[in-house]
C-alpha atoms as a PDB file:
ATOM      1  CA  MET A   1      17.527  16.103   6.087  1.00  0.00           C
ATOM      2  CA  SER A   2      15.214  14.941   9.615  1.00  0.00           C
ATOM      3  CA  ALA A   3      11.772  15.740   9.222  1.00  0.00           C
ATOM      4  CA  PRO A   4       8.680  15.429  11.585  1.00  0.00           C
ATOM      5  CA  VAL A   5       5.860  13.158  10.913  1.00  0.00           C
ATOM      6  CA  LEU A   6       1.908  14.060  11.507  1.00  0.00           C
ATOM      7  CA  VAL A   7      -0.030  10.488  11.040  1.00  0.00           C
ATOM      8  CA  LEU A   8      -3.611  10.903  10.218  1.00  0.00           C
ATOM      9  CA  GLY A   9      -6.170   8.220  11.101  1.00  0.00           C
ATOM     10  CA  GLY A  10      -4.244   6.877  13.864  1.00  0.00           C
ATOM     11  CA  THR A  11      -5.855   3.569  15.577  1.00  0.00           C
ATOM     12  CA  GLY A  12      -5.966   1.388  12.960  1.00  0.00           C
ATOM     13  CA  TYR A  13      -3.867  -1.753  11.605  1.00  0.00           C
ATOM     14  CA  VAL A  14      -2.172   0.321   8.973  1.00  0.00           C
ATOM     15  CA  ALA A  15      -1.606   3.442  11.614  1.00  0.00           C
ATOM     16  CA  GLY A  16      -0.079   1.061  14.160  1.00  0.00           C
ATOM     17  CA  GLU A  17       2.475  -0.222  11.456  1.00  0.00           C
ATOM     18  CA  LEU A  18       3.465   3.470  10.301  1.00  0.00           C
ATOM     19  CA  LEU A  19       3.984   4.341  13.778  1.00  0.00           C
ATOM     20  CA  ARG A  20       6.617   1.287  14.154  1.00  0.00           C
ATOM     21  CA  LEU A  21       8.337   2.151  10.723  1.00  0.00           C
ATOM     22  CA  VAL A  22       8.728   5.981  11.942  1.00  0.00           C
ATOM     23  CA  ALA A  23      10.193   4.649  15.357  1.00  0.00           C
ATOM     24  CA  GLN A  24      12.934   3.100  13.107  1.00  0.00           C
ATOM     25  CA  HIS A  25      13.306   5.231  10.569  1.00  0.00           C
ATOM     26  CA  PRO A  26      16.109   7.341  10.792  1.00  0.00           C
ATOM     27  CA  GLU A  27      15.236  10.560   9.331  1.00  0.00           C
ATOM     28  CA  LEU A  28      11.957  10.977  10.651  1.00  0.00           C
ATOM     29  CA  THR A  29      10.132  11.946  14.212  1.00  0.00           C
ATOM     30  CA  LEU A  30       6.966  11.427  15.364  1.00  0.00           C
ATOM     31  CA  ARG A  31       5.096  14.993  15.781  1.00  0.00           C
ATOM     32  CA  GLY A  32       1.517  13.932  16.419  1.00  0.00           C
ATOM     33  CA  VAL A  33      -0.793  11.298  15.763  1.00  0.00           C
ATOM     34  CA  ILE A  34      -4.575  12.303  14.940  1.00  0.00           C
ATOM     35  CA  SER A  35      -7.663  10.484  15.775  1.00  0.00           C
ATOM     36  CA  THR A  36     -11.194  11.870  16.257  1.00  0.00           C
ATOM     37  CA  SER A  37     -12.238   9.103  18.438  1.00  0.00           C
ATOM     38  CA  GLN A  38      -9.133   8.641  21.120  1.00  0.00           C
ATOM     39  CA  VAL A  39      -8.089  12.683  21.551  1.00  0.00           C
ATOM     40  CA  GLY A  40      -6.140  12.692  24.491  1.00  0.00           C
ATOM     41  CA  GLU A  41      -5.579   8.892  24.714  1.00  0.00           C
ATOM     42  CA  PRO A  42      -2.202   7.479  25.374  1.00  0.00           C
ATOM     43  CA  LEU A  43      -0.690   6.079  22.011  1.00  0.00           C
ATOM     44  CA  ALA A  44       0.024   2.739  23.947  1.00  0.00           C
ATOM     45  CA  ALA A  45      -3.404   2.471  24.889  1.00  0.00           C
ATOM     46  CA  ALA A  46      -4.373   1.352  21.717  1.00  0.00           C
ATOM     47  CA  PHE A  47      -0.915  -0.364  20.586  1.00  0.00           C
ATOM     48  CA  PRO A  48       0.787  -1.419  23.217  1.00  0.00           C
ATOM     49  CA  HIS A  49       3.596  -2.972  21.342  1.00  0.00           C
ATOM     50  CA  LEU A  50       4.606   0.314  20.953  1.00  0.00           C
ATOM     51  CA  ALA A  51       4.866   1.547  24.300  1.00  0.00           C
ATOM     52  CA  ALA A  52       8.184   1.621  24.602  1.00  0.00           C
ATOM     53  CA  CYS A  53       8.839   3.765  21.633  1.00  0.00           C
ATOM     54  CA  TYR A  54       5.912   6.455  22.316  1.00  0.00           C
ATOM     55  CA  PRO A  55       5.722   6.192  25.967  1.00  0.00           C
ATOM     56  CA  ASP A  56       4.262   9.520  26.187  1.00  0.00           C
ATOM     57  CA  GLU A  57       3.080  10.420  22.993  1.00  0.00           C
ATOM     58  CA  ARG A  58      -1.139  10.920  22.995  1.00  0.00           C
ATOM     59  CA  PHE A  59      -3.422  11.391  20.414  1.00  0.00           C
ATOM     60  CA  VAL A  60      -4.184  14.671  19.204  1.00  0.00           C
ATOM     61  CA  SER A  61      -6.945  16.685  17.433  1.00  0.00           C
ATOM     62  CA  LEU A  62      -6.959  17.706  14.226  1.00  0.00           C
ATOM     63  CA  GLU A  63      -6.777  21.292  15.303  1.00  0.00           C
ATOM     64  CA  ALA A  64      -4.364  20.513  17.488  1.00  0.00           C
ATOM     65  CA  ALA A  65      -1.390  18.956  14.630  1.00  0.00           C
ATOM     66  CA  VAL A  66      -2.478  21.877  12.955  1.00  0.00           C
ATOM     67  CA  GLU A  67      -1.307  24.539  15.304  1.00  0.00           C
ATOM     68  CA  ARG A  68       1.977  22.638  15.453  1.00  0.00           C
ATOM     69  CA  LEU A  69       2.562  23.059  11.375  1.00  0.00           C
ATOM     70  CA  GLY A  70       4.899  26.313  12.168  1.00  0.00           C
ATOM     71  CA  ASP A  71       7.017  24.711  14.576  1.00  0.00           C
ATOM     72  CA  ALA A  72       9.159  23.300  11.013  1.00  0.00           C
ATOM     73  CA  GLU A  73       9.510  24.355   7.554  1.00  0.00           C
ATOM     74  CA  HIS A  74       8.919  20.736   6.089  1.00  0.00           C
ATOM     75  CA  TRP A  75       6.819  18.189   7.184  1.00  0.00           C
ATOM     76  CA  VAL A  76       5.957  14.949   6.135  1.00  0.00           C
ATOM     77  CA  LEU A  77       2.021  13.566   6.710  1.00  0.00           C
ATOM     78  CA  LEU A  78       1.144   9.895   6.517  1.00  0.00           C
ATOM     79  CA  SER A  79      -2.728   9.286   5.797  1.00  0.00           C
ATOM     80  CA  ALA A  80      -4.391   5.922   7.190  1.00  0.00           C
ATOM     81  CA  ALA A  81      -7.707   7.652   7.449  1.00  0.00           C
ATOM     82  CA  PRO A  82     -10.789   5.301   5.456  1.00  0.00           C
ATOM     83  CA  HIS A  83     -11.569   5.712   2.098  1.00  0.00           C
ATOM     84  CA  GLY A  84     -13.894   8.520   1.618  1.00  0.00           C
ATOM     85  CA  ALA A  85     -12.804  10.659   4.579  1.00  0.00           C
ATOM     86  CA  SER A  86      -8.989  10.829   4.386  1.00  0.00           C
ATOM     87  CA  ALA A  87      -8.992  13.320   1.375  1.00  0.00           C
ATOM     88  CA  GLU A  88     -10.989  15.578   2.993  1.00  0.00           C
ATOM     89  CA  VAL A  89      -8.807  15.707   5.939  1.00  0.00           C
ATOM     90  CA  ILE A  90      -5.895  15.595   4.097  1.00  0.00           C
ATOM     91  CA  ALA A  91      -6.655  18.828   1.802  1.00  0.00           C
ATOM     92  CA  ARG A  92      -7.381  20.681   5.020  1.00  0.00           C
ATOM     93  CA  ILE A  93      -4.194  20.269   6.510  1.00  0.00           C
ATOM     94  CA  LEU A  94      -2.321  21.038   2.944  1.00  0.00           C
ATOM     95  CA  ASP A  95      -4.653  24.152   3.330  1.00  0.00           C
ATOM     96  CA  ALA A  96      -3.162  25.287   6.412  1.00  0.00           C
ATOM     97  CA  ALA A  97       0.321  24.506   5.630  1.00  0.00           C
ATOM     98  CA  ASP A  98      -0.072  26.894   2.494  1.00  0.00           C
ATOM     99  CA  THR A  99      -1.336  29.292   4.750  1.00  0.00           C
ATOM    100  CA  ALA A 100       1.255  29.362   7.072  1.00  0.00           C
ATOM    101  CA  GLY A 101       4.223  28.473   4.114  1.00  0.00           C
ATOM    102  CA  VAL A 102       5.200  25.243   5.405  1.00  0.00           C
ATOM    103  CA  ARG A 103       5.550  22.390   3.084  1.00  0.00           C
ATOM    104  CA  ILE A 104       4.388  19.204   3.507  1.00  0.00           C
ATOM    105  CA  THR A 105       4.784  16.209   1.653  1.00  0.00           C
ATOM    106  CA  ALA A 106       2.002  13.638   1.983  1.00  0.00           C
ATOM    107  CA  VAL A 107       1.438   9.918   1.291  1.00  0.00           C
ATOM    108  CA  ASP A 108      -1.881   8.747   1.356  1.00  0.00           C
ATOM    109  CA  THR A 109      -2.593   4.794   1.952  1.00  0.00           C
ATOM    110  CA  SER A 110      -6.529   5.087   1.533  1.00  0.00           C
ATOM    111  CA  ALA A 111      -7.998   5.239  -1.860  1.00  0.00           C
ATOM    112  CA  ASP A 112      -9.139   8.541  -2.194  1.00  0.00           C
ATOM    113  CA  PHE A 113      -5.575   9.391  -4.357  1.00  0.00           C
ATOM    114  CA  ARG A 114      -5.744   5.999  -6.267  1.00  0.00           C
ATOM    115  CA  PHE A 115      -7.684   7.515  -9.260  1.00  0.00           C
ATOM    116  CA  ALA A 116      -6.623  10.986 -11.421  1.00  0.00           C
ATOM    117  CA  ASP A 117     -10.076  11.255 -12.526  1.00  0.00           C
ATOM    118  CA  PRO A 118     -12.946  12.066  -9.386  1.00  0.00           C
ATOM    119  CA  GLU A 119     -15.316  10.715 -11.721  1.00  0.00           C
ATOM    120  CA  ALA A 120     -13.922   7.473 -11.524  1.00  0.00           C
ATOM    121  CA  TYR A 121     -13.386   7.304  -8.318  1.00  0.00           C
ATOM    122  CA  ALA A 122     -17.130   8.010  -7.736  1.00  0.00           C
ATOM    123  CA  LYS A 123     -17.992   5.067  -9.695  1.00  0.00           C
ATOM    124  CA  VAL A 124     -16.023   2.773  -7.867  1.00  0.00           C
ATOM    125  CA  TYR A 125     -16.549   3.891  -4.237  1.00  0.00           C
ATOM    126  CA  GLY A 126     -20.319   5.426  -4.956  1.00  0.00           C
ATOM    127  CA  HIS A 127     -19.930   8.597  -3.103  1.00  0.00           C
ATOM    128  CA  PRO A 128     -18.393  12.147  -4.481  1.00  0.00           C
ATOM    129  CA  HIS A 129     -14.361  12.926  -4.134  1.00  0.00           C
ATOM    130  CA  GLY A 130     -13.407  14.767  -0.835  1.00  0.00           C
ATOM    131  CA  ALA A 131     -10.943  17.124  -2.545  1.00  0.00           C
ATOM    132  CA  PRO A 132     -11.155  16.763  -6.322  1.00  0.00           C
ATOM    133  CA  ALA A 133      -8.834  20.433  -6.268  1.00  0.00           C
ATOM    134  CA  ARG A 134      -6.125  18.366  -4.768  1.00  0.00           C
ATOM    135  CA  LEU A 135      -5.729  14.900  -7.151  1.00  0.00           C
ATOM    136  CA  PRO A 136      -3.574  16.693  -9.772  1.00  0.00           C
ATOM    137  CA  GLU A 137      -0.835  16.931  -6.699  1.00  0.00           C
ATOM    138  CA  PHE A 138      -0.779  13.190  -6.294  1.00  0.00           C
ATOM    139  CA  THR A 139       0.548  10.272  -8.059  1.00  0.00           C
ATOM    140  CA  CYS A 140      -0.623   6.630  -7.300  1.00  0.00           C
ATOM    141  CA  ALA A 141       1.937   3.606  -8.320  1.00  0.00           C
ATOM    142  CA  LEU A 142       4.276   1.713  -6.682  1.00  0.00           C
ATOM    143  CA  PRO A 143       7.631   3.281  -5.889  1.00  0.00           C
ATOM    144  CA  GLU A 144       8.693  -0.101  -8.202  1.00  0.00           C
ATOM    145  CA  HIS A 145       6.899   0.772 -11.199  1.00  0.00           C
ATOM    146  CA  VAL A 146       7.856   4.579 -11.907  1.00  0.00           C
ATOM    147  CA  LYS A 147      11.499   5.681 -11.796  1.00  0.00           C
ATOM    148  CA  SER A 148      10.143   9.385 -10.817  1.00  0.00           C
ATOM    149  CA  ILE A 149       6.915  11.389 -10.642  1.00  0.00           C
ATOM    150  CA  GLU A 150       6.194  15.163 -10.603  1.00  0.00           C
ATOM    151  CA  THR A 151       4.107  15.662  -8.175  1.00  0.00           C
ATOM    152  CA  PRO A 152       4.768  16.800  -4.516  1.00  0.00           C
ATOM    153  CA  HIS A 153       2.430  14.202  -2.957  1.00  0.00           C
ATOM    154  CA  ALA A 154       2.062  10.077  -3.612  1.00  0.00           C
ATOM    155  CA  ALA A 155      -0.699   7.370  -2.990  1.00  0.00           C
ATOM    156  CA  HIS A 156       0.125   3.990  -2.401  1.00  0.00           C
ATOM    157  CA  PRO A 157      -2.114   1.523  -4.477  1.00  0.00           C
ATOM    158  CA  GLY A 158      -4.306  -1.059  -2.364  1.00  0.00           C
ATOM    159  CA  CYS A 159      -2.873  -4.129  -0.460  1.00  0.00           C
ATOM    160  CA  PHE A 160      -4.501  -6.530  -2.825  1.00  0.00           C
ATOM    161  CA  ALA A 161      -3.655  -4.345  -5.879  1.00  0.00           C
ATOM    162  CA  THR A 162       0.107  -4.205  -4.738  1.00  0.00           C
ATOM    163  CA  SER A 163       0.017  -8.054  -5.038  1.00  0.00           C
ATOM    164  CA  MET A 164      -1.502  -7.983  -8.279  1.00  0.00           C
ATOM    165  CA  LEU A 165       0.752  -5.243  -9.923  1.00  0.00           C
ATOM    166  CA  LEU A 166       4.261  -6.600  -8.693  1.00  0.00           C
ATOM    167  CA  GLY A 167       3.181  -9.799 -10.820  1.00  0.00           C
ATOM    168  CA  ILE A 168       1.213  -8.099 -13.845  1.00  0.00           C
ATOM    169  CA  VAL A 169       2.862  -5.142 -14.765  1.00  0.00           C
ATOM    170  CA  PRO A 170       6.261  -6.570 -16.102  1.00  0.00           C
ATOM    171  CA  LEU A 171       4.802  -8.799 -17.923  1.00  0.00           C
ATOM    172  CA  VAL A 172       2.428  -6.604 -19.839  1.00  0.00           C
ATOM    173  CA  ALA A 173       5.175  -4.061 -20.122  1.00  0.00           C
ATOM    174  CA  ALA A 174       7.584  -6.338 -22.042  1.00  0.00           C
ATOM    175  CA  ASP A 175       3.994  -7.119 -23.920  1.00  0.00           C
ATOM    176  CA  LEU A 176       4.401 -10.955 -23.329  1.00  0.00           C
ATOM    177  CA  VAL A 177       0.805 -12.206 -22.425  1.00  0.00           C
ATOM    178  CA  GLU A 178      -2.384 -11.438 -23.730  1.00  0.00           C
ATOM    179  CA  PRO A 179      -4.476  -8.814 -22.399  1.00  0.00           C
ATOM    180  CA  GLU A 180      -6.824 -11.302 -20.194  1.00  0.00           C
ATOM    181  CA  ILE A 181      -5.200 -12.437 -16.836  1.00  0.00           C
ATOM    182  CA  SER A 182      -6.718 -13.600 -13.692  1.00  0.00           C
ATOM    183  CA  VAL A 183      -6.446 -13.450 -10.213  1.00  0.00           C
ATOM    184  CA  SER A 184      -7.157 -15.519  -6.886  1.00  0.00           C
ATOM    185  CA  ALA A 185      -5.286 -14.216  -3.411  1.00  0.00           C
ATOM    186  CA  ILE A 186      -6.212 -14.720  -0.527  1.00  0.00           C
ATOM    187  CA  THR A 187      -5.455 -11.989   2.268  1.00  0.00           C
ATOM    188  CA  GLY A 188      -5.233 -12.183   6.333  1.00  0.00           C
ATOM    189  CA  SER A 189      -7.607 -10.633   8.878  1.00  0.00           C
ATOM    190  CA  THR A 190      -5.666  -7.296   8.870  1.00  0.00           C
ATOM    191  CA  GLY A 191      -6.681  -6.400   5.796  1.00  0.00           C
ATOM    192  CA  ALA A 192     -10.319  -6.077   6.937  1.00  0.00           C
ATOM    193  CA  GLY A 193      -9.426  -3.260   9.458  1.00  0.00           C
ATOM    194  CA  ARG A 194      -9.519  -3.434  13.210  1.00  0.00           C
ATOM    195  CA  THR A 195     -13.182  -3.271  13.522  1.00  0.00           C
ATOM    196  CA  PRO A 196     -14.982  -7.016  14.060  1.00  0.00           C
ATOM    197  CA  LYS A 197     -17.207  -8.185  11.314  1.00  0.00           C
ATOM    198  CA  ASP A 198     -19.043 -11.360  10.476  1.00  0.00           C
ATOM    199  CA  THR A 199     -16.237 -12.205   8.102  1.00  0.00           C
ATOM    200  CA  THR A 200     -13.133 -11.315  10.424  1.00  0.00           C
ATOM    201  CA  HIS A 201     -14.013 -11.987  13.757  1.00  0.00           C
ATOM    202  CA  HIS A 202     -11.832 -14.791  15.264  1.00  0.00           C
ATOM    203  CA  PRO A 203     -14.334 -17.547  15.354  1.00  0.00           C
ATOM    204  CA  MET A 204     -15.444 -16.764  11.471  1.00  0.00           C
ATOM    205  CA  ARG A 205     -11.552 -16.710  10.230  1.00  0.00           C
ATOM    206  CA  HIS A 206      -9.912 -19.645  12.149  1.00  0.00           C
ATOM    207  CA  ASN A 207      -9.400 -22.870  10.485  1.00  0.00           C
ATOM    208  CA  ASN A 208     -11.766 -21.265   7.804  1.00  0.00           C
ATOM    209  CA  LEU A 209     -11.071 -19.980   4.305  1.00  0.00           C
ATOM    210  CA  PHE A 210     -13.925 -18.225   1.473  1.00  0.00           C
ATOM    211  CA  GLY A 211     -14.004 -16.280  -1.230  1.00  0.00           C
ATOM    212  CA  TYR A 212     -16.041 -12.751  -1.564  1.00  0.00           C
ATOM    213  CA  GLN A 213     -16.931  -9.983  -3.888  1.00  0.00           C
ATOM    214  CA  ALA A 214     -15.925 -12.543  -6.674  1.00  0.00           C
ATOM    215  CA  LEU A 215     -14.855 -10.749  -9.907  1.00  0.00           C
ATOM    216  CA  LYS A 216     -16.589  -7.376  -8.354  1.00  0.00           C
ATOM    217  CA  HIS A 217     -13.893  -5.912  -5.778  1.00  0.00           C
ATOM    218  CA  ARG A 218     -13.055  -2.514  -5.891  1.00  0.00           C
ATOM    219  CA  HIS A 219      -9.441  -2.959  -6.242  1.00  0.00           C
ATOM    220  CA  ALA A 220      -9.633  -4.607 -10.048  1.00  0.00           C
ATOM    221  CA  PRO A 221     -10.660  -1.477 -11.358  1.00  0.00           C
ATOM    222  CA  GLU A 222      -7.760   0.414  -9.353  1.00  0.00           C
ATOM    223  CA  VAL A 223      -5.258  -2.614 -10.957  1.00  0.00           C
ATOM    224  CA  ARG A 224      -6.673  -1.917 -14.365  1.00  0.00           C
ATOM    225  CA  ALA A 225      -6.059   1.824 -14.356  1.00  0.00           C
ATOM    226  CA  LEU A 226      -2.453   1.237 -12.424  1.00  0.00           C
ATOM    227  CA  VAL A 227      -1.885  -1.086 -15.163  1.00  0.00           C
ATOM    228  CA  GLU A 228      -2.503   1.317 -18.108  1.00  0.00           C
ATOM    229  CA  ALA A 229      -0.959   3.810 -16.272  1.00  0.00           C
ATOM    230  CA  ALA A 230       2.541   1.955 -16.023  1.00  0.00           C
ATOM    231  CA  THR A 231       2.474   0.311 -19.088  1.00  0.00           C
ATOM    232  CA  GLY A 232       0.606   2.217 -21.675  1.00  0.00           C
ATOM    233  CA  ARG A 233      -1.509  -0.976 -22.108  1.00  0.00           C
ATOM    234  CA  SER A 234      -4.922  -2.157 -21.183  1.00  0.00           C
ATOM    235  CA  ILE A 235      -6.000  -5.445 -19.772  1.00  0.00           C
ATOM    236  CA  ARG A 236      -9.094  -7.558 -18.468  1.00  0.00           C
ATOM    237  CA  LEU A 237      -8.849  -8.351 -15.075  1.00  0.00           C
ATOM    238  CA  SER A 238     -11.081 -11.169 -13.384  1.00  0.00           C
ATOM    239  CA  PHE A 239     -10.295 -10.929  -9.836  1.00  0.00           C
ATOM    240  CA  VAL A 240     -11.390 -13.091  -6.844  1.00  0.00           C
ATOM    241  CA  PRO A 241     -10.654 -12.381  -3.462  1.00  0.00           C
ATOM    242  CA  HIS A 242     -10.487 -14.715  -0.302  1.00  0.00           C
ATOM    243  CA  SER A 243     -10.039 -14.156   3.497  1.00  0.00           C
ATOM    244  CA  GLY A 244      -7.961 -16.435   4.937  1.00  0.00           C
ATOM    245  CA  PRO A 245      -6.784 -18.063   8.182  1.00  0.00           C
ATOM    246  CA  PHE A 246      -4.074 -15.702   9.369  1.00  0.00           C
ATOM    247  CA  ALA A 247      -3.779 -12.354  10.135  1.00  0.00           C
ATOM    248  CA  ARG A 248      -1.139 -10.573   7.910  1.00  0.00           C
ATOM    249  CA  GLY A 249      -0.466 -11.368   4.255  1.00  0.00           C
ATOM    250  CA  ILE A 250      -1.643 -11.514   1.148  1.00  0.00           C
ATOM    251  CA  TYR A 251      -0.697 -14.692  -1.635  1.00  0.00           C
ATOM    252  CA  ALA A 252      -2.158 -13.717  -4.903  1.00  0.00           C
ATOM    253  CA  THR A 253      -1.798 -16.546  -7.701  1.00  0.00           C
ATOM    254  CA  ILE A 254      -1.720 -14.573 -11.206  1.00  0.00           C
ATOM    255  CA  PHE A 255      -2.753 -16.439 -14.250  1.00  0.00           C
ATOM    256  CA  ALA A 256      -2.065 -15.173 -17.946  1.00  0.00           C
ATOM    257  CA  ARG A 257      -1.433 -16.730 -21.218  1.00  0.00           C
ATOM    258  CA  LEU A 258       2.037 -16.357 -23.444  1.00  0.00           C
ATOM    259  CA  LYS A 259       1.454 -14.738 -26.408  1.00  0.00           C
ATOM    260  CA  ALA A 260       1.878 -16.547 -29.983  1.00  0.00           C
ATOM    261  CA  GLY A 261       5.906 -16.579 -29.909  1.00  0.00           C
ATOM    262  CA  ALA A 262       6.768 -15.899 -26.420  1.00  0.00           C
ATOM    263  CA  ARG A 263       8.437 -18.206 -24.309  1.00  0.00           C
ATOM    264  CA  THR A 264       8.409 -19.197 -20.416  1.00  0.00           C
ATOM    265  CA  SER A 265      12.086 -17.986 -20.622  1.00  0.00           C
ATOM    266  CA  ASP A 266      10.865 -14.491 -21.802  1.00  0.00           C
ATOM    267  CA  ALA A 267       8.944 -14.577 -19.479  1.00  0.00           C
ATOM    268  CA  LEU A 268      11.074 -15.149 -16.186  1.00  0.00           C
ATOM    269  CA  ASP A 269      13.570 -12.830 -17.918  1.00  0.00           C
ATOM    270  CA  ALA A 270      11.119 -10.152 -18.052  1.00  0.00           C
ATOM    271  CA  LEU A 271      10.611 -10.251 -14.358  1.00  0.00           C
ATOM    272  CA  ASN A 272      14.078 -10.780 -13.081  1.00  0.00           C
ATOM    273  CA  ALA A 273      15.112  -7.947 -15.333  1.00  0.00           C
ATOM    274  CA  PHE A 274      12.008  -5.543 -14.299  1.00  0.00           C
ATOM    275  CA  TYR A 275      12.966  -6.134 -10.496  1.00  0.00           C
ATOM    276  CA  ARG A 276      16.840  -6.458 -11.379  1.00  0.00           C
ATOM    277  CA  ASP A 277      17.250  -2.966  -9.258  1.00  0.00           C
ATOM    278  CA  ALA A 278      14.406  -3.058  -6.700  1.00  0.00           C
ATOM    279  CA  PRO A 279      15.614  -4.011  -3.133  1.00  0.00           C
ATOM    280  CA  PHE A 280      12.670  -5.178  -2.109  1.00  0.00           C
ATOM    281  CA  VAL A 281      10.979  -7.350  -4.970  1.00  0.00           C
ATOM    282  CA  GLY A 282      12.856 -10.925  -5.693  1.00  0.00           C
ATOM    283  CA  VAL A 283      11.990 -13.398  -7.992  1.00  0.00           C
ATOM    284  CA  GLN A 284      13.020 -16.960  -6.623  1.00  0.00           C
ATOM    285  CA  ALA A 285      12.668 -20.468  -8.443  1.00  0.00           C
ATOM    286  CA  GLU A 286      10.192 -21.890  -5.978  1.00  0.00           C
ATOM    287  CA  PRO A 287       6.598 -20.600  -4.726  1.00  0.00           C
ATOM    288  CA  PRO A 288       7.371 -17.990  -2.255  1.00  0.00           C
ATOM    289  CA  ARG A 289       6.136 -18.817   1.472  1.00  0.00           C
ATOM    290  CA  MET A 290       4.012 -16.342   3.419  1.00  0.00           C
ATOM    291  CA  LYS A 291       6.287 -16.705   6.701  1.00  0.00           C
ATOM    292  CA  ASP A 292       9.480 -15.694   4.532  1.00  0.00           C
ATOM    293  CA  ILE A 293       7.912 -12.276   4.143  1.00  0.00           C
ATOM    294  CA  VAL A 294       5.344 -11.449   6.660  1.00  0.00           C
ATOM    295  CA  ALA A 295       6.091  -8.422   8.786  1.00  0.00           C
ATOM    296  CA  THR A 296       8.592  -7.006   6.325  1.00  0.00           C
ATOM    297  CA  ASN A 297       8.317  -4.612   3.163  1.00  0.00           C
ATOM    298  CA  PHE A 298       9.604  -7.519   1.244  1.00  0.00           C
ATOM    299  CA  ALA A 299       7.849  -9.073  -1.918  1.00  0.00           C
ATOM    300  CA  THR A 300       8.571 -12.633  -3.466  1.00  0.00           C
ATOM    301  CA  LEU A 301       7.734 -13.613  -6.946  1.00  0.00           C
ATOM    302  CA  SER A 302       7.804 -16.829  -8.763  1.00  0.00           C
ATOM    303  CA  LEU A 303       6.711 -18.297 -11.993  1.00  0.00           C
ATOM    304  CA  ALA A 304       5.380 -21.606 -13.267  1.00  0.00           C
ATOM    305  CA  ALA A 305       4.434 -22.575 -16.868  1.00  0.00           C
ATOM    306  CA  ASP A 306       2.644 -25.727 -19.034  1.00  0.00           C
ATOM    307  CA  GLY A 307       2.673 -24.462 -22.672  1.00  0.00           C
ATOM    308  CA  ASP A 308       1.434 -20.829 -23.292  1.00  0.00           C
ATOM    309  CA  VAL A 309      -0.263 -20.845 -19.576  1.00  0.00           C
ATOM    310  CA  ILE A 310       2.038 -19.154 -16.925  1.00  0.00           C
ATOM    311  CA  VAL A 311       1.150 -18.454 -13.410  1.00  0.00           C
ATOM    312  CA  VAL A 312       2.958 -15.574 -11.055  1.00  0.00           C
ATOM    313  CA  HIS A 313       2.917 -16.516  -7.393  1.00  0.00           C
ATOM    314  CA  SER A 314       2.989 -12.889  -5.166  1.00  0.00           C
ATOM    315  CA  ALA A 315       3.332 -12.675  -1.944  1.00  0.00           C
ATOM    316  CA  ILE A 316       3.301  -9.508   0.473  1.00  0.00           C
ATOM    317  CA  ASP A 317       2.595  -8.275   4.032  1.00  0.00           C
ATOM    318  CA  ASN A 318      -0.574  -6.451   3.431  1.00  0.00           C
ATOM    319  CA  LEU A 319      -0.063  -4.056   6.041  1.00  0.00           C
ATOM    320  CA  ILE A 320       3.470  -3.240   5.210  1.00  0.00           C
ATOM    321  CA  LYS A 321       4.175  -4.113   1.112  1.00  0.00           C
ATOM    322  CA  GLY A 322       0.949  -3.430   0.861  1.00  0.00           C
ATOM    323  CA  ALA A 323       0.360  -0.139   2.982  1.00  0.00           C
ATOM    324  CA  ALA A 324       3.059   1.335   5.431  1.00  0.00           C
ATOM    325  CA  GLY A 325       5.971   0.418   4.094  1.00  0.00           C
ATOM    326  CA  GLY A 326       5.000   1.441   0.408  1.00  0.00           C
ATOM    327  CA  SER A 327       4.157   4.627   1.895  1.00  0.00           C
ATOM    328  CA  ILE A 328       7.607   4.999   3.504  1.00  0.00           C
ATOM    329  CA  GLN A 329       9.296   3.519   0.679  1.00  0.00           C
ATOM    330  CA  TRP A 330       7.118   7.150  -1.214  1.00  0.00           C
ATOM    331  CA  VAL A 331       8.686   8.918   1.734  1.00  0.00           C
ATOM    332  CA  ASN A 332      12.320   8.045   0.784  1.00  0.00           C
ATOM    333  CA  ARG A 333      11.875   8.598  -2.847  1.00  0.00           C
ATOM    334  CA  LEU A 334      10.310  12.275  -2.627  1.00  0.00           C
ATOM    335  CA  LEU A 335      12.314  13.453  -0.071  1.00  0.00           C
ATOM    336  CA  GLY A 336      16.052  11.862  -1.833  1.00  0.00           C
ATOM    337  CA  TRP A 337      16.723   9.393   1.120  1.00  0.00           C
ATOM    338  CA  PRO A 338      18.048   5.929   0.185  1.00  0.00           C
ATOM    339  CA  GLU A 339      14.555   3.946  -0.578  1.00  0.00           C
ATOM    340  CA  THR A 340      15.492   1.543   2.011  1.00  0.00           C
ATOM    341  CA  SER A 341      15.503   3.405   4.701  1.00  0.00           C
ATOM    342  CA  GLY A 342      14.189   2.186   7.761  1.00  0.00           C
ATOM    343  CA  LEU A 343      12.865  -0.717   5.870  1.00  0.00           C
ATOM    344  CA  THR A 344      15.293  -3.356   5.441  1.00  0.00           C
ATOM    345  CA  ALA A 345      14.427  -5.386   8.977  1.00  0.00           C
ATOM    346  CA  PRO A 346      13.830  -9.197   8.241  1.00  0.00           C
ATOM    347  CA  ALA A 347      11.163 -11.440   8.458  1.00  0.00           C
ATOM    348  CA  PRO A 348      10.569 -13.081  11.972  1.00  0.00           C
ATOM    349  CA  GLY A 349      10.580 -16.522  10.161  1.00  0.00           C
ATOM    350  CA  TRP A 350       8.229 -18.113  12.738  1.00  0.00           C
ATOM    351  CA  LEU A 351       5.715 -15.693  13.376  1.00  0.00           C
END
């Protein structure tokens, strides 16, 4: 079964990666890229590197995309719209599909469906949720952390959250570490979006490294909620993000303390066992290197210890494993395709 795809929020970096991944997916066919600012403009004008894949594709309005829903019985909707805008537009498309008697499988990369409680969302993001009635239809989790979901749609955790959850959840699930966890993580400039800012402009970012939003970043409450959902246990998380002098990738260092009686070998065994059947997560002896995973959907973990203190290194590509690739994983899962479909391209290595 193949499926036509609509991409929402079509001019950003994550949307560009979604489009690239759709182009190489054996079962997905692009049928519309929705943009509010570039309607009628060529897709290749925003993404010249995708011109060979989409030589004639143009951005369309939401209204034009909705009119196409009757052309197929089942659609895939991938949203890379901004936080605070995604939920309302997704709801409008789902409403239109309901009216047309069409099925849609939606996956959202924004923050709008990461909290099950609209009040929790409003507390973190400072504004009401755009479609609270649709929240029960979405499950937010990493594909590696749940065997199946009962909702028709999925939400992918944020990029920083992905890097942290990969290392934290197996250890908490095995009840091996104390509930006080600290993380220091460095992200590439693409994580801040396409619009230049003081903290993302090349002269400020090049040959530079700086922390920001220490102990108050919005991903911290998301991670706490997702750890509890995945393990049934609560943690206290101290998170310090950093801006790195590179375009893409996240390198997270996770600090935890083993519980009394737990050994380093127990923690390493827990990581290996948890991801034994996960095609995109590897555990290795040496700390990962960013160039080994950048531009792929793969993630690499390693573990070090000194007495009861353990450190987990976690490396991912923020745009793929932390957003677009994880979303395609969800599409594969929800539609019953092999989880690796369209996602196994190796790393460039010398990017």
